[in-house]
């Protein structure tokens, strides 16, 4: 059942280290035309950016904060410091968003929001694929 739902916890244990450096990068999905759509950016310094559909790289509609990997729990926690809507800073709806890493393999990652019970599937997007 888990594999049908995109869950492969063994792939997380086998492919993600204690410091989580494999998670660093841009994650999103590809449009029907093949163009990349960046949803989250996990930076080496622990900073994080979250974007709505088609918003990257503009920070006019984005969540800005930090991320932390908990190897024992298999959870990435996003801490939202700022939220921007149409270029105006607002208070984030959720300051903290714990997400279980349910899959990490050649297909990408699957995150499960532990509060909203929603799954997100992302692929790694290389800088060379992004046209700004």
N, C-alpha and C. Protein backbone atom coordinates (compact mmCIF):
# COMPACT_ATOMS: atom_id res chain seq x y z
N UNK A 1 0.82 -1.20 0.00
CA UNK A 1 0.00 0.00 0.00
C UNK A 1 0.86 1.26 0.00
N UNK A 2 1.89 1.27 0.85
CA UNK A 2 2.72 2.46 0.94
C UNK A 2 3.33 2.83 -0.41
N UNK A 3 3.87 1.85 -1.12
CA UNK A 3 4.51 2.14 -2.41
C UNK A 3 3.52 2.72 -3.41
N UNK A 4 2.28 2.25 -3.37
CA UNK A 4 1.25 2.80 -4.26
C UNK A 4 0.97 4.27 -3.94
N UNK A 5 1.16 4.65 -2.69
CA UNK A 5 0.93 6.04 -2.28
C UNK A 5 2.19 6.89 -2.43
N UNK A 6 3.26 6.32 -3.00
CA UNK A 6 4.50 7.07 -3.18
C UNK A 6 5.41 7.05 -1.97
N UNK A 7 5.05 6.26 -0.96
CA UNK A 7 5.83 6.21 0.28
C UNK A 7 6.89 5.12 0.17
N UNK A 8 8.15 5.50 0.46
CA UNK A 8 9.25 4.55 0.45
C UNK A 8 10.24 4.99 1.52
N UNK A 9 9.91 4.69 2.77
CA UNK A 9 10.73 5.14 3.89
C UNK A 9 12.14 4.54 3.84
N UNK A 10 12.28 3.34 3.28
CA UNK A 10 13.62 2.75 3.14
C UNK A 10 14.51 3.64 2.28
N UNK A 11 13.96 4.26 1.24
CA UNK A 11 14.75 5.13 0.38
C UNK A 11 15.27 6.35 1.14
N UNK A 12 14.52 6.80 2.14
CA UNK A 12 14.96 7.91 2.96
C UNK A 12 16.13 7.46 3.84
N UNK A 13 15.96 6.31 4.49
CA UNK A 13 17.02 5.79 5.35
C UNK A 13 18.31 5.51 4.58
N UNK A 14 18.18 5.02 3.36
CA UNK A 14 19.34 4.65 2.56
C UNK A 14 20.00 5.84 1.86
N UNK A 15 19.27 6.90 1.60
CA UNK A 15 19.77 7.97 0.74
C UNK A 15 19.95 9.34 1.39
N UNK A 16 19.46 9.52 2.60
CA UNK A 16 19.57 10.83 3.25
C UNK A 16 20.42 10.70 4.51
N UNK A 17 21.47 11.48 4.56
CA UNK A 17 22.41 11.43 5.68
C UNK A 17 21.87 12.15 6.91
N UNK A 18 22.62 12.04 8.00
CA UNK A 18 22.22 12.67 9.26
C UNK A 18 22.13 14.18 9.14
N UNK A 19 23.02 14.78 8.33
CA UNK A 19 22.97 16.24 8.19
C UNK A 19 22.02 16.71 7.08
N UNK A 20 21.52 15.78 6.28
CA UNK A 20 20.52 16.11 5.27
C UNK A 20 21.03 16.92 4.10
N UNK A 21 22.34 16.93 3.85
CA UNK A 21 22.88 17.76 2.77
C UNK A 21 22.31 17.39 1.39
N UNK A 22 21.81 16.17 1.25
CA UNK A 22 21.22 15.75 -0.03
C UNK A 22 19.94 16.52 -0.34
N UNK A 23 19.35 17.11 0.66
CA UNK A 23 18.08 17.83 0.48
C UNK A 23 18.28 19.26 -0.04
N UNK A 24 19.50 19.74 0.03
CA UNK A 24 19.80 21.11 -0.41
C UNK A 24 19.54 21.23 -1.91
N UNK A 25 18.86 22.28 -2.28
CA UNK A 25 18.62 22.54 -3.70
C UNK A 25 17.21 23.05 -3.95
N UNK A 26 16.87 23.09 -5.22
CA UNK A 26 15.56 23.56 -5.66
C UNK A 26 14.69 22.35 -5.96
N UNK A 27 13.46 22.36 -5.47
CA UNK A 27 12.52 21.25 -5.63
C UNK A 27 11.22 21.78 -6.17
N UNK A 28 10.62 21.04 -7.07
CA UNK A 28 9.34 21.45 -7.64
C UNK A 28 8.81 20.37 -8.56
N UNK A 29 8.20 20.81 -9.62
CA UNK A 29 7.61 19.87 -10.58
C UNK A 29 7.74 20.46 -11.97
N UNK A 30 7.41 19.67 -12.96
CA UNK A 30 7.49 20.12 -14.35
C UNK A 30 6.10 20.30 -14.92
N UNK A 31 5.91 21.43 -15.62
CA UNK A 31 4.64 21.73 -16.28
C UNK A 31 4.44 20.77 -17.45
N UNK A 32 3.25 20.77 -18.02
CA UNK A 32 2.97 19.92 -19.18
C UNK A 32 3.91 20.21 -20.35
N UNK A 33 4.34 21.47 -20.49
CA UNK A 33 5.24 21.83 -21.59
C UNK A 33 6.71 21.50 -21.27
N UNK A 34 6.96 20.91 -20.11
CA UNK A 34 8.31 20.53 -19.72
C UNK A 34 9.09 21.57 -18.96
N UNK A 35 8.50 22.76 -18.79
CA UNK A 35 9.21 23.81 -18.06
C UNK A 35 9.14 23.55 -16.55
N UNK A 36 10.24 23.88 -15.84
CA UNK A 36 10.28 23.63 -14.40
C UNK A 36 9.49 24.67 -13.61
N UNK A 37 8.93 24.23 -12.49
CA UNK A 37 8.20 25.09 -11.59
C UNK A 37 8.77 24.86 -10.19
N UNK A 38 9.58 25.79 -9.70
CA UNK A 38 10.22 25.65 -8.40
C UNK A 38 9.21 25.96 -7.30
N UNK A 39 9.08 25.04 -6.35
CA UNK A 39 8.16 25.21 -5.22
C UNK A 39 8.88 25.54 -3.93
N UNK A 40 10.00 24.84 -3.68
CA UNK A 40 10.76 25.10 -2.46
C UNK A 40 12.25 25.14 -2.79
N UNK A 41 12.95 25.99 -2.03
CA UNK A 41 14.40 26.09 -2.15
C UNK A 41 14.98 25.87 -0.75
N UNK A 42 15.82 24.84 -0.64
CA UNK A 42 16.48 24.53 0.63
C UNK A 42 17.96 24.89 0.47
N UNK A 43 18.38 25.91 1.17
CA UNK A 43 19.74 26.41 1.04
C UNK A 43 20.68 25.77 2.07
N UNK A 44 21.96 25.74 1.70
CA UNK A 44 22.99 25.12 2.54
C UNK A 44 23.09 25.77 3.91
N UNK A 45 22.83 27.07 3.98
CA UNK A 45 22.93 27.80 5.25
C UNK A 45 21.72 27.59 6.16
N UNK A 46 20.77 26.74 5.74
CA UNK A 46 19.59 26.47 6.54
C UNK A 46 18.42 27.38 6.24
N UNK A 47 18.59 28.30 5.31
CA UNK A 47 17.46 29.17 4.93
C UNK A 47 16.56 28.43 3.94
N UNK A 48 15.34 28.92 3.83
CA UNK A 48 14.32 28.25 3.03
C UNK A 48 13.45 29.29 2.35
N UNK A 49 12.98 28.96 1.13
CA UNK A 49 12.03 29.79 0.41
C UNK A 49 10.94 28.88 -0.14
N UNK A 50 9.70 29.29 0.01
CA UNK A 50 8.57 28.54 -0.53
C UNK A 50 7.79 29.42 -1.49
N UNK A 51 7.40 28.83 -2.63
CA UNK A 51 6.74 29.60 -3.70
C UNK A 51 5.46 28.94 -4.15
N UNK A 52 4.50 29.77 -4.53
CA UNK A 52 3.28 29.29 -5.17
C UNK A 52 3.56 28.96 -6.63
N UNK A 53 2.61 28.38 -7.28
CA UNK A 53 2.72 27.95 -8.66
C UNK A 53 3.15 29.10 -9.58
N UNK A 54 4.34 28.97 -10.17
CA UNK A 54 4.82 29.96 -11.13
C UNK A 54 5.38 31.24 -10.54
N UNK A 55 5.55 31.31 -9.24
CA UNK A 55 6.01 32.54 -8.59
C UNK A 55 7.53 32.69 -8.54
N UNK A 56 8.26 31.57 -8.53
CA UNK A 56 9.72 31.63 -8.43
C UNK A 56 10.30 32.33 -9.65
N UNK A 57 11.28 33.19 -9.50
CA UNK A 57 12.08 33.55 -8.32
C UNK A 57 11.61 34.81 -7.59
N UNK A 58 10.50 35.40 -8.00
CA UNK A 58 10.01 36.62 -7.35
C UNK A 58 9.61 36.33 -5.91
N UNK A 59 10.06 37.18 -5.02
CA UNK A 59 9.70 37.02 -3.61
C UNK A 59 8.45 37.83 -3.25
N UNK A 60 7.71 38.30 -4.27
CA UNK A 60 6.48 39.04 -4.01
C UNK A 60 5.40 38.16 -3.40
N UNK A 61 5.42 36.87 -3.68
CA UNK A 61 4.47 35.90 -3.12
C UNK A 61 5.28 34.68 -2.69
N UNK A 62 5.79 34.75 -1.46
CA UNK A 62 6.69 33.69 -1.00
C UNK A 62 6.67 33.57 0.52
N UNK A 63 7.09 32.41 0.98
CA UNK A 63 7.37 32.19 2.39
C UNK A 63 8.89 32.15 2.54
N UNK A 64 9.40 32.84 3.54
CA UNK A 64 10.84 32.90 3.77
C UNK A 64 11.10 32.47 5.20
N UNK A 65 12.10 31.64 5.38
CA UNK A 65 12.42 31.19 6.73
C UNK A 65 13.61 30.26 6.75
N UNK A 66 13.53 29.25 7.62
CA UNK A 66 14.60 28.29 7.77
C UNK A 66 14.03 26.88 7.73
N UNK A 67 14.93 25.92 7.50
CA UNK A 67 14.54 24.51 7.51
C UNK A 67 15.53 23.73 8.36
N UNK A 68 15.03 22.65 8.95
CA UNK A 68 15.88 21.81 9.78
C UNK A 68 15.48 20.36 9.56
N UNK A 69 16.48 19.51 9.36
CA UNK A 69 16.28 18.08 9.12
C UNK A 69 16.49 17.32 10.43
N UNK A 70 15.51 16.50 10.81
CA UNK A 70 15.63 15.63 11.96
C UNK A 70 15.76 14.20 11.44
N UNK A 71 16.98 13.70 11.44
CA UNK A 71 17.28 12.38 10.89
C UNK A 71 16.54 11.26 11.63
N UNK A 72 16.48 11.35 12.95
CA UNK A 72 15.84 10.31 13.76
C UNK A 72 14.35 10.21 13.44
N UNK A 73 13.67 11.33 13.33
CA UNK A 73 12.24 11.34 13.05
C UNK A 73 11.92 11.27 11.57
N UNK A 74 12.90 11.58 10.71
CA UNK A 74 12.65 11.63 9.28
C UNK A 74 11.74 12.80 8.90
N UNK A 75 11.94 13.92 9.60
CA UNK A 75 11.06 15.08 9.43
C UNK A 75 11.88 16.33 9.09
N UNK A 76 11.41 17.05 8.08
CA UNK A 76 11.94 18.38 7.78
C UNK A 76 10.95 19.37 8.40
N UNK A 77 11.46 20.28 9.22
CA UNK A 77 10.59 21.31 9.80
C UNK A 77 10.93 22.64 9.16
N UNK A 78 9.92 23.26 8.59
CA UNK A 78 10.05 24.58 8.00
C UNK A 78 9.58 25.61 9.02
N UNK A 79 10.40 26.60 9.28
CA UNK A 79 10.05 27.71 10.17
C UNK A 79 9.84 28.94 9.29
N UNK A 80 8.63 29.43 9.26
CA UNK A 80 8.30 30.57 8.41
C UNK A 80 8.50 31.87 9.20
N UNK A 81 9.48 32.63 8.80
CA UNK A 81 9.75 33.92 9.44
C UNK A 81 8.94 35.04 8.79
N UNK A 82 8.77 34.96 7.47
CA UNK A 82 8.07 36.01 6.73
C UNK A 82 7.19 35.40 5.65
N UNK A 83 6.12 36.10 5.39
CA UNK A 83 5.23 35.72 4.28
C UNK A 83 4.99 36.99 3.48
N UNK A 84 5.08 36.87 2.15
CA UNK A 84 4.83 38.00 1.28
C UNK A 84 3.68 37.68 0.35
N UNK A 85 2.73 38.59 0.30
CA UNK A 85 1.59 38.47 -0.61
C UNK A 85 1.53 39.77 -1.41
N UNK A 86 1.66 39.63 -2.73
CA UNK A 86 1.69 40.79 -3.62
C UNK A 86 2.70 41.84 -3.17
N UNK A 87 3.85 41.35 -2.70
CA UNK A 87 4.94 42.24 -2.30
C UNK A 87 4.82 42.83 -0.91
N UNK A 88 3.74 42.55 -0.21
CA UNK A 88 3.53 43.09 1.13
C UNK A 88 3.78 42.01 2.18
N UNK A 89 4.58 42.36 3.19
CA UNK A 89 4.91 41.42 4.26
C UNK A 89 3.70 41.20 5.16
N UNK A 90 3.43 39.94 5.46
CA UNK A 90 2.32 39.57 6.34
C UNK A 90 2.81 38.53 7.34
N UNK A 91 2.01 38.30 8.36
CA UNK A 91 2.30 37.24 9.32
C UNK A 91 1.99 35.90 8.68
N UNK A 92 2.89 34.94 8.76
CA UNK A 92 2.59 33.61 8.21
C UNK A 92 1.43 32.95 8.95
N UNK A 93 0.60 32.21 8.24
CA UNK A 93 -0.51 31.49 8.85
C UNK A 93 0.01 30.45 9.83
N UNK A 94 1.06 29.77 9.43
CA UNK A 94 1.70 28.76 10.28
C UNK A 94 3.17 29.12 10.42
N UNK A 95 3.61 29.32 11.64
CA UNK A 95 5.01 29.66 11.89
C UNK A 95 5.92 28.44 11.70
N UNK A 96 5.38 27.25 11.97
CA UNK A 96 6.17 26.03 11.91
C UNK A 96 5.40 24.98 11.13
N UNK A 97 6.08 24.29 10.21
CA UNK A 97 5.42 23.28 9.39
C UNK A 97 6.29 22.01 9.37
N UNK A 98 5.97 21.03 10.21
CA UNK A 98 6.72 19.77 10.19
C UNK A 98 6.21 18.88 9.06
N UNK A 99 7.16 18.35 8.27
CA UNK A 99 6.79 17.50 7.15
C UNK A 99 7.64 16.23 7.16
N UNK A 100 6.98 15.09 7.14
CA UNK A 100 7.68 13.82 7.08
C UNK A 100 8.23 13.60 5.68
N UNK A 101 9.49 13.23 5.59
CA UNK A 101 10.08 12.87 4.31
C UNK A 101 9.75 11.40 4.06
N UNK A 102 8.82 11.15 3.16
CA UNK A 102 8.33 9.80 2.93
C UNK A 102 9.05 9.07 1.80
N UNK A 103 9.78 9.83 0.97
CA UNK A 103 10.49 9.21 -0.14
C UNK A 103 11.63 10.12 -0.57
N UNK A 104 12.79 9.51 -0.87
CA UNK A 104 13.91 10.22 -1.46
C UNK A 104 14.61 9.22 -2.38
N UNK A 105 14.39 9.36 -3.68
CA UNK A 105 15.03 8.46 -4.64
C UNK A 105 15.20 9.18 -5.97
N UNK A 106 15.52 8.44 -7.02
CA UNK A 106 15.78 9.05 -8.33
C UNK A 106 14.55 9.77 -8.89
N UNK A 107 13.37 9.44 -8.40
CA UNK A 107 12.15 10.12 -8.85
C UNK A 107 11.96 11.46 -8.17
N UNK A 108 12.59 11.65 -7.02
CA UNK A 108 12.45 12.89 -6.27
C UNK A 108 12.12 12.63 -4.82
N UNK A 109 11.38 13.54 -4.23
CA UNK A 109 11.00 13.40 -2.83
C UNK A 109 9.48 13.47 -2.69
N UNK A 110 9.02 12.92 -1.58
CA UNK A 110 7.63 13.10 -1.20
C UNK A 110 7.61 13.57 0.24
N UNK A 111 6.95 14.70 0.46
CA UNK A 111 6.79 15.27 1.80
C UNK A 111 5.34 15.13 2.22
N UNK A 112 5.14 14.84 3.51
CA UNK A 112 3.79 14.70 4.05
C UNK A 112 3.64 15.70 5.18
N UNK A 113 2.74 16.67 4.99
CA UNK A 113 2.47 17.69 6.00
C UNK A 113 1.74 17.03 7.17
N UNK A 114 2.38 16.98 8.31
CA UNK A 114 1.84 16.26 9.47
C UNK A 114 0.62 16.94 10.09
N UNK A 115 0.38 18.20 9.76
CA UNK A 115 -0.80 18.88 10.30
C UNK A 115 -1.98 18.83 9.33
N UNK A 116 -1.74 19.14 8.07
CA UNK A 116 -2.84 19.16 7.10
C UNK A 116 -3.09 17.78 6.47
N UNK A 117 -2.16 16.83 6.72
CA UNK A 117 -2.27 15.47 6.18
C UNK A 117 -2.27 15.47 4.65
N UNK A 118 -1.45 16.34 4.06
CA UNK A 118 -1.35 16.48 2.61
C UNK A 118 0.04 16.05 2.15
N UNK A 119 0.09 15.32 1.04
CA UNK A 119 1.37 14.90 0.46
C UNK A 119 1.76 15.80 -0.69
N UNK A 120 3.06 16.02 -0.83
CA UNK A 120 3.62 16.82 -1.91
C UNK A 120 4.76 16.03 -2.55
N UNK A 121 4.71 15.88 -3.87
CA UNK A 121 5.77 15.20 -4.61
C UNK A 121 6.55 16.24 -5.40
N UNK A 122 7.87 16.21 -5.23
CA UNK A 122 8.74 17.16 -5.91
C UNK A 122 9.90 16.43 -6.59
N UNK A 123 10.37 17.06 -7.64
CA UNK A 123 11.57 16.60 -8.32
C UNK A 123 12.65 17.65 -8.12
N UNK A 124 13.90 17.22 -8.17
CA UNK A 124 15.02 18.15 -8.06
C UNK A 124 15.12 18.93 -9.37
N UNK A 125 15.24 20.22 -9.27
CA UNK A 125 15.35 21.08 -10.44
C UNK A 125 16.71 21.76 -10.43
N UNK A 126 17.46 21.53 -11.47
CA UNK A 126 18.81 22.09 -11.57
C UNK A 126 18.75 23.54 -12.06
N UNK A 127 19.71 24.33 -11.61
CA UNK A 127 19.77 25.74 -12.01
C UNK A 127 19.80 25.90 -13.53
N UNK A 128 20.47 24.99 -14.22
CA UNK A 128 20.59 25.09 -15.67
C UNK A 128 19.25 24.94 -16.39
N UNK A 129 18.24 24.40 -15.71
CA UNK A 129 16.93 24.21 -16.31
C UNK A 129 16.03 25.43 -16.15
N UNK A 130 16.42 26.35 -15.29
CA UNK A 130 15.59 27.50 -14.95
C UNK A 130 15.93 28.67 -15.86
N UNK A 131 14.90 29.20 -16.50
CA UNK A 131 15.08 30.39 -17.36
C UNK A 131 14.46 31.57 -16.63
N UNK A 132 15.27 32.53 -16.29
CA UNK A 132 14.74 33.72 -15.57
C UNK A 132 14.53 34.87 -16.50
